[in-house]
Protein backbone atom coordinates (compact mmCIF):
# COMPACT_ATOMS: atom_id res chain seq x y z
CA MET A 1 -61.43 29.15 -60.54
CA LYS A 2 -59.42 30.33 -63.53
CA THR A 3 -61.10 32.37 -66.22
CA PHE A 4 -61.23 31.59 -69.93
CA GLU A 5 -61.76 35.10 -71.29
CA ARG A 6 -59.19 34.43 -74.03
CA ASN A 7 -60.80 31.18 -74.98
CA GLY A 8 -61.59 31.22 -78.69
CA MET A 9 -65.19 29.96 -78.18
CA MET A 10 -66.03 32.78 -75.84
CA GLN A 11 -64.20 35.37 -78.00
CA VAL A 12 -66.29 34.43 -81.02
CA LEU A 13 -69.49 34.54 -78.99
CA ARG A 14 -68.53 38.05 -77.84
CA GLY A 15 -68.12 39.09 -81.51
CA GLU A 16 -64.32 39.32 -81.37
CA ARG A 17 -61.98 38.21 -84.10
CA VAL A 18 -59.71 35.21 -83.36
CA THR A 19 -56.50 33.92 -84.88
CA LYS A 20 -57.47 30.30 -84.28
CA LEU A 21 -60.95 28.96 -85.00
CA PRO A 22 -62.64 27.37 -81.96
CA VAL A 23 -63.88 23.82 -82.36
CA TRP A 24 -65.99 21.39 -80.47
CA LEU A 25 -68.29 18.56 -81.59
CA MET A 26 -71.84 17.56 -80.87
CA ARG A 27 -71.97 14.22 -79.02
CA GLN A 28 -68.22 14.57 -78.40
CA ALA A 29 -68.72 12.83 -75.02
CA GLY A 30 -70.07 9.47 -75.97
CA ARG A 31 -70.11 6.11 -77.70
CA TYR A 32 -67.22 6.44 -80.11
CA LEU A 33 -64.68 6.70 -77.30
CA PRO A 34 -63.28 3.48 -75.74
CA GLU A 35 -62.97 5.21 -72.38
CA TYR A 36 -66.72 5.96 -72.55
CA GLN A 37 -67.43 2.31 -73.33
CA ALA A 38 -65.48 1.31 -70.29
CA VAL A 39 -67.69 3.46 -68.07
CA ARG A 40 -70.84 2.43 -69.91
CA SER A 41 -70.14 -1.26 -69.28
CA GLU A 42 -70.72 -0.60 -65.59
CA HIS A 43 -73.78 1.63 -65.74
CA ASP A 44 -77.10 2.04 -67.51
CA PHE A 45 -77.46 5.24 -69.50
CA PHE A 46 -79.60 7.30 -67.21
CA SER A 47 -77.71 6.26 -64.09
CA MET A 48 -74.62 7.79 -65.77
CA VAL A 49 -76.57 10.99 -66.51
CA ARG A 50 -77.87 11.12 -62.91
CA THR A 51 -74.53 10.46 -61.19
CA PRO A 52 -72.50 13.66 -61.14
CA LYS A 53 -69.10 12.06 -60.78
CA VAL A 54 -69.78 9.76 -63.73
CA ALA A 55 -71.30 12.52 -65.84
CA THR A 56 -68.30 14.75 -65.16
CA GLU A 57 -65.86 11.97 -66.10
CA ILE A 58 -67.62 11.33 -69.39
CA THR A 59 -67.80 15.07 -70.15
CA LEU A 60 -64.07 15.47 -69.66
CA GLN A 61 -62.94 12.47 -71.71
CA PRO A 62 -62.89 14.24 -75.13
CA ILE A 63 -61.30 17.34 -73.61
CA ARG A 64 -58.42 15.23 -72.40
CA ARG A 65 -58.00 13.57 -75.80
CA PHE A 66 -58.46 16.46 -78.17
CA LYS A 67 -58.02 19.72 -76.23
CA LEU A 68 -61.28 21.10 -77.62
CA ASP A 69 -62.42 24.66 -77.08
CA ALA A 70 -65.56 23.73 -75.14
CA ALA A 71 -66.94 20.84 -73.11
CA ILE A 72 -70.64 19.90 -73.28
CA ILE A 73 -72.24 18.32 -70.26
CA PHE A 74 -73.07 14.66 -70.58
CA SER A 75 -76.84 14.48 -70.41
CA ASP A 76 -79.85 14.02 -72.71
CA ILE A 77 -82.62 16.25 -74.07
CA LEU A 78 -85.24 13.88 -72.61
CA VAL A 79 -84.34 14.76 -69.05
CA VAL A 80 -86.94 17.57 -69.30
CA PRO A 81 -89.87 15.23 -70.02
CA GLN A 82 -88.60 12.98 -67.23
CA ALA A 83 -88.67 15.92 -64.79
CA LEU A 84 -92.25 16.71 -65.85
CA GLY A 85 -93.35 13.17 -64.98
CA ILE A 86 -92.89 11.18 -68.20
CA THR A 87 -91.12 7.83 -67.97
CA VAL A 88 -88.19 7.64 -70.39
CA LEU A 89 -86.05 4.55 -70.94
CA MET A 90 -82.90 4.22 -73.00
CA GLU A 91 -82.57 0.91 -74.86
CA GLU A 92 -79.16 -0.11 -76.07
CA LYS A 93 -78.81 0.30 -79.85
CA LYS A 94 -82.43 1.39 -80.09
CA GLY A 95 -82.47 4.78 -78.40
CA PRO A 96 -85.07 6.39 -76.14
CA ILE A 97 -88.32 4.66 -75.41
CA ILE A 98 -91.37 6.28 -73.76
CA PRO A 99 -93.52 3.32 -72.72
CA ILE A 100 -96.56 5.46 -72.00
CA PRO A 101 -96.66 8.18 -74.63
CA ILE A 102 -98.73 11.39 -74.26
CA ARG A 103 -101.92 10.87 -76.21
CA SER A 104 -104.78 12.60 -74.29
CA ALA A 105 -105.83 15.58 -72.20
CA ALA A 106 -105.56 13.41 -69.10
CA ASP A 107 -101.99 12.51 -70.02
CA VAL A 108 -100.99 16.20 -70.25
CA ALA A 109 -102.93 17.08 -67.09
CA ALA A 110 -100.94 14.47 -65.13
CA LEU A 111 -97.69 16.33 -65.82
CA SER A 112 -96.42 19.02 -63.51
CA ILE A 113 -93.78 21.72 -63.49
CA ASP A 114 -94.00 22.00 -59.69
CA GLY A 115 -90.78 20.87 -58.06
CA PHE A 116 -89.02 20.83 -61.43
CA GLU A 117 -85.75 22.31 -60.15
CA SER A 118 -85.50 19.83 -57.31
CA ARG A 119 -85.90 16.91 -59.77
CA MET A 120 -83.10 18.46 -61.80
CA GLN A 121 -80.70 18.74 -58.82
CA TYR A 122 -78.51 15.95 -60.23
CA LEU A 123 -78.00 18.04 -63.40
CA SER A 124 -77.10 21.14 -61.36
CA ASP A 125 -74.62 19.04 -59.38
CA SER A 126 -73.10 17.56 -62.59
CA VAL A 127 -72.67 20.96 -64.20
CA GLY A 128 -71.23 22.42 -61.00
CA LEU A 129 -68.75 19.60 -60.48
CA THR A 130 -67.68 19.62 -64.12
CA ALA A 131 -67.17 23.37 -64.18
CA ARG A 132 -65.07 23.20 -61.06
CA THR A 133 -63.00 20.32 -62.43
CA LEU A 134 -62.41 22.13 -65.73
CA ASP A 135 -61.06 24.99 -63.60
CA GLY A 136 -61.14 27.42 -66.52
CA GLU A 137 -59.58 25.14 -69.06
CA CYS A 138 -62.50 25.77 -71.38
CA PRO A 139 -66.16 26.81 -71.11
CA LEU A 140 -68.90 24.27 -70.35
CA ILE A 141 -71.92 24.06 -72.56
CA GLY A 142 -75.33 23.16 -71.13
CA PHE A 143 -78.26 22.24 -73.33
CA ALA A 144 -81.91 21.37 -73.69
CA GLY A 145 -84.19 20.00 -76.40
CA SER A 146 -86.61 22.33 -78.16
CA PRO A 147 -90.29 22.06 -77.21
CA TRP A 148 -91.20 20.55 -80.60
CA SER A 149 -88.41 17.89 -80.48
CA LEU A 150 -89.48 16.92 -76.95
CA PHE A 151 -93.14 16.87 -78.07
CA ALA A 152 -92.30 14.59 -80.95
CA TYR A 153 -90.60 11.99 -78.72
CA ALA A 154 -93.15 12.24 -75.93
CA VAL A 155 -96.19 11.70 -78.22
CA GLU A 156 -94.61 9.19 -80.56
CA GLY A 157 -93.07 7.09 -77.82
CA SER A 158 -89.74 6.60 -79.59
CA GLY A 159 -87.69 7.93 -82.48
CA LYS A 160 -89.56 7.17 -85.73
CA LYS A 161 -88.94 8.12 -89.37
CA SER A 162 -92.21 9.95 -89.86
CA PHE A 163 -93.36 10.62 -86.31
CA ALA A 164 -96.90 10.09 -87.71
CA ALA A 165 -98.54 9.85 -84.23
CA ALA A 166 -96.87 13.08 -83.02
CA LYS A 167 -97.91 15.00 -86.12
CA ALA A 168 -101.43 13.61 -86.03
CA PHE A 169 -101.79 14.73 -82.42
CA LEU A 170 -100.46 18.19 -83.31
CA TYR A 171 -103.08 18.62 -86.02
CA ASN A 172 -106.04 16.83 -84.41
CA GLU A 173 -105.59 18.40 -80.97
CA PRO A 174 -104.34 21.91 -81.70
CA GLN A 175 -105.31 23.50 -78.36
CA LEU A 176 -104.03 20.59 -76.25
CA SER A 177 -100.84 20.46 -78.31
CA GLN A 178 -100.18 24.13 -77.59
CA THR A 179 -100.76 23.49 -73.91
CA PHE A 180 -98.28 20.66 -73.98
CA LEU A 181 -95.73 22.70 -76.00
CA ALA A 182 -96.03 25.56 -73.55
CA LEU A 183 -95.32 23.17 -70.66
CA LEU A 184 -92.29 21.74 -72.50
CA THR A 185 -91.15 25.33 -73.18
CA GLU A 186 -91.24 26.16 -69.51
CA GLY A 187 -89.37 22.96 -68.74
CA ALA A 188 -86.66 23.77 -71.30
CA ILE A 189 -86.27 27.31 -69.90
CA ARG A 190 -85.95 26.00 -66.35
CA CYS A 191 -83.48 23.25 -67.42
CA LEU A 192 -81.27 25.82 -69.14
CA LYS A 193 -81.48 28.15 -66.14
CA VAL A 194 -80.48 25.36 -63.79
CA GLN A 195 -77.37 24.69 -65.87
CA ILE A 196 -76.48 28.39 -66.17
CA ALA A 197 -76.77 28.89 -62.43
CA ALA A 198 -74.59 25.88 -61.81
CA GLY A 199 -71.75 27.04 -64.04
CA ALA A 200 -72.52 26.57 -67.76
CA SER A 201 -71.07 29.49 -69.70
CA VAL A 202 -72.94 28.72 -72.95
CA VAL A 203 -76.14 26.81 -73.70
CA GLN A 204 -77.49 25.24 -76.80
CA LEU A 205 -81.12 24.46 -77.77
CA PHE A 206 -81.40 21.34 -80.00
CA GLU A 207 -84.16 21.33 -82.59
CA SER A 208 -83.47 17.68 -83.44
CA TRP A 209 -86.73 17.16 -85.33
CA GLY A 210 -87.20 20.44 -87.12
CA SER A 211 -87.24 18.42 -90.33
CA LEU A 212 -90.67 16.96 -89.47
CA LEU A 213 -92.65 20.16 -90.06
CA SER A 214 -93.13 22.40 -93.02
CA PRO A 215 -91.75 25.87 -92.59
CA THR A 216 -95.28 27.30 -92.49
CA ASP A 217 -96.36 24.95 -89.71
CA TYR A 218 -93.15 25.50 -87.81
CA GLU A 219 -93.61 29.26 -87.91
CA ARG A 220 -97.24 29.00 -86.88
CA LEU A 221 -97.06 26.31 -84.20
CA VAL A 222 -93.53 26.23 -82.81
CA LEU A 223 -91.69 29.49 -83.46
CA PRO A 224 -93.47 31.50 -80.69
CA HIS A 225 -92.20 28.96 -78.14
CA ILE A 226 -88.63 29.27 -79.43
CA GLN A 227 -88.87 33.06 -79.23
CA LYS A 228 -89.97 32.80 -75.62
CA ILE A 229 -86.91 30.67 -74.77
CA VAL A 230 -84.63 33.14 -76.55
CA LYS A 231 -86.12 36.05 -74.61
CA GLU A 232 -85.64 34.28 -71.29
CA ILE A 233 -82.19 32.86 -71.82
CA GLU A 234 -80.28 35.36 -74.04
CA PRO A 235 -79.85 37.94 -71.21
CA LEU A 236 -78.20 35.24 -69.06
CA CYS A 237 -75.54 33.74 -71.34
CA PRO A 238 -74.85 32.99 -75.01
CA LEU A 239 -77.55 30.76 -76.54
CA ILE A 240 -76.89 28.74 -79.69
CA LEU A 241 -79.90 27.46 -81.67
CA PHE A 242 -79.26 24.28 -83.64
CA VAL A 243 -81.68 22.96 -86.22
CA ARG A 244 -81.34 19.55 -87.82
CA GLY A 245 -82.49 18.79 -91.36
CA ASN A 246 -84.63 21.78 -92.29
CA PRO A 247 -82.66 24.53 -93.92
CA ALA A 248 -85.85 26.69 -94.24
CA VAL A 249 -86.33 26.58 -90.50
CA THR A 250 -82.67 27.38 -89.94
CA ASP A 251 -83.09 30.39 -92.20
CA MET A 252 -86.24 31.41 -90.33
CA LEU A 253 -84.56 31.33 -86.96
CA ALA A 254 -81.65 33.32 -88.25
CA GLN A 255 -84.08 36.07 -89.31
CA VAL A 256 -86.06 36.30 -86.07
CA THR A 257 -83.24 36.26 -83.55
CA ASN A 258 -79.66 37.43 -83.26
CA ALA A 259 -78.67 34.26 -81.46
CA PRO A 260 -75.78 32.23 -82.93
CA ILE A 261 -77.13 29.61 -85.31
CA GLY A 262 -75.88 26.02 -85.38
CA ILE A 263 -76.31 24.71 -88.99
CA ASP A 264 -76.35 21.16 -90.17
CA TYR A 265 -74.80 19.70 -93.27
CA THR A 266 -77.99 20.07 -95.41
CA VAL A 267 -77.61 23.85 -95.42
CA ASP A 268 -76.13 25.60 -98.43
CA LEU A 269 -73.12 27.03 -96.60
CA PRO A 270 -72.04 29.80 -98.98
CA ARG A 271 -75.64 30.98 -99.32
CA MET A 272 -76.11 30.99 -95.52
CA ARG A 273 -72.94 33.04 -95.03
CA ALA A 274 -73.90 35.40 -97.85
CA ARG A 275 -77.34 36.00 -96.25
CA PHE A 276 -75.89 36.52 -92.80
CA PRO A 277 -72.38 37.80 -93.23
CA THR A 278 -71.94 39.01 -89.67
CA ARG A 279 -73.97 36.31 -87.89
CA ILE A 280 -72.15 33.85 -85.66
CA LEU A 281 -72.54 30.43 -87.26
CA GLN A 282 -71.63 27.00 -85.94
CA GLY A 283 -71.00 23.88 -88.00
CA ALA A 284 -71.32 22.10 -90.25
CA LEU A 285 -69.34 19.07 -91.52
CA ASP A 286 -71.39 15.99 -92.46
CA PRO A 287 -70.56 13.54 -89.63
CA THR A 288 -70.30 10.61 -92.01
CA VAL A 289 -67.22 12.27 -93.56
CA LEU A 290 -65.41 11.16 -90.42
CA LEU A 291 -65.87 7.56 -91.61
CA GLY A 292 -63.60 8.29 -94.59
CA PRO A 293 -59.82 8.53 -94.95
CA ALA A 294 -57.83 11.28 -93.28
CA ALA A 295 -57.13 13.09 -96.55
CA GLU A 296 -60.87 13.32 -97.32
CA ILE A 297 -61.67 14.51 -93.80
CA LYS A 298 -59.11 17.33 -94.14
CA LYS A 299 -60.23 18.23 -97.68
CA GLN A 300 -63.91 18.50 -96.74
CA THR A 301 -63.22 20.30 -93.47
CA HIS A 302 -61.17 22.95 -95.26
CA SER A 303 -63.89 23.29 -97.92
CA MET A 304 -66.57 23.77 -95.26
CA LEU A 305 -64.47 26.43 -93.46
CA GLU A 306 -63.70 28.26 -96.70
CA SER A 307 -67.45 28.38 -97.43
CA LEU A 308 -68.22 29.89 -94.02
CA GLY A 309 -65.18 32.10 -93.62
CA LYS A 310 -62.81 32.61 -90.69
CA ASP A 311 -64.82 35.25 -88.86
CA ASN A 312 -67.88 34.71 -86.68
CA LEU A 313 -67.54 30.93 -86.87
CA ILE A 314 -67.38 28.01 -84.45
CA ALA A 315 -66.25 24.84 -86.18
CA ASN A 316 -68.36 21.80 -85.46
CA LEU A 317 -70.16 18.90 -87.19
CA GLY A 318 -73.53 19.27 -88.83
CA HIS A 319 -74.87 16.73 -86.34
CA GLY A 320 -73.57 14.49 -83.61
CA ILE A 321 -70.59 12.10 -83.94
CA LEU A 322 -71.64 8.64 -85.10
CA PRO A 323 -70.74 5.76 -82.80
CA GLU A 324 -68.80 4.04 -85.61
CA VAL A 325 -66.33 6.90 -85.92
CA LYS A 326 -62.78 6.23 -84.79
CA PRO A 327 -61.17 8.66 -82.31
CA GLU A 328 -58.31 9.13 -84.82
CA ALA A 329 -60.80 10.59 -87.33
CA VAL A 330 -61.97 13.15 -84.74
CA ALA A 331 -58.32 14.07 -84.14
CA THR A 332 -57.91 14.59 -87.88
CA PHE A 333 -60.95 16.85 -88.02
CA VAL A 334 -59.70 18.93 -85.09
CA GLU A 335 -56.24 19.14 -86.67
CA ALA A 336 -57.76 20.27 -89.97
CA VAL A 337 -59.60 23.06 -88.21
CA ARG A 338 -56.40 24.11 -86.38
CA GLU A 339 -54.58 24.26 -89.70
CA PHE A 340 -57.12 26.50 -91.36
């Protein structure tokens, strides 16, 4: 297999200066691409995730189109709850559904970490096949959901605006909640280790629902679990922490770990860079900008990059690509980064 030591993504993660900013996009392998839709028409979502040849094909589609600096394995954060024994369905245009949510001590006791790695064999196979197929063209990113984001889905039963049931469980059952969060933490760690062992060169932890908790509650109830993940994974490969929708939590993580921080579009970019001038940051264009004209995409991309500077930066969106985005808009964004 070829190496990618001079790949811009890996150079930045090693703290080296680059002449060309690296760029990849969250959800780059997915619904906005017509070639993805062609594959999707023949498979349900989780069968694609669980079939290594299909997952590899989908992972490589945006690399072929845009020559990005990193691929990210086609999977889902909810594969960890699945491997612990929770049933997860994916409904078209509705998102994930957990028909039997976690609501009691018996529900938590029914879950098990035993045999976790064997139940994740398909993911190991997908990562291994994808890494071999890339053959050093670019690094492969593995990922997992944060314990709190997985908790929110598993208790609520689906994606909701307020996640009232999940938060009520967190506050009404504090000890049981911590037991469940600890189990999800172990699952996330093992999921990331499976991918690293199979060939992922970088991993990212998605805090998709960091916006649900106050900074005080996040620090008290969730942060120790994040710190455990960082301690376990950082010695193995670069770990990027991404927080959606809570700048205070983003700021908190940036202060308690040296891991690269993925920032979303709600963060004050100049302030973040001023506070952490040497920290590796990733982000952070508002994904809806890609629904606008090419001139606006380029203008806002350049403005974002000027705010964050050319050093210690990985260009990305501030969240995943929307399914309504045209591939041409993604090409414009990538071109704008290359021009900077």
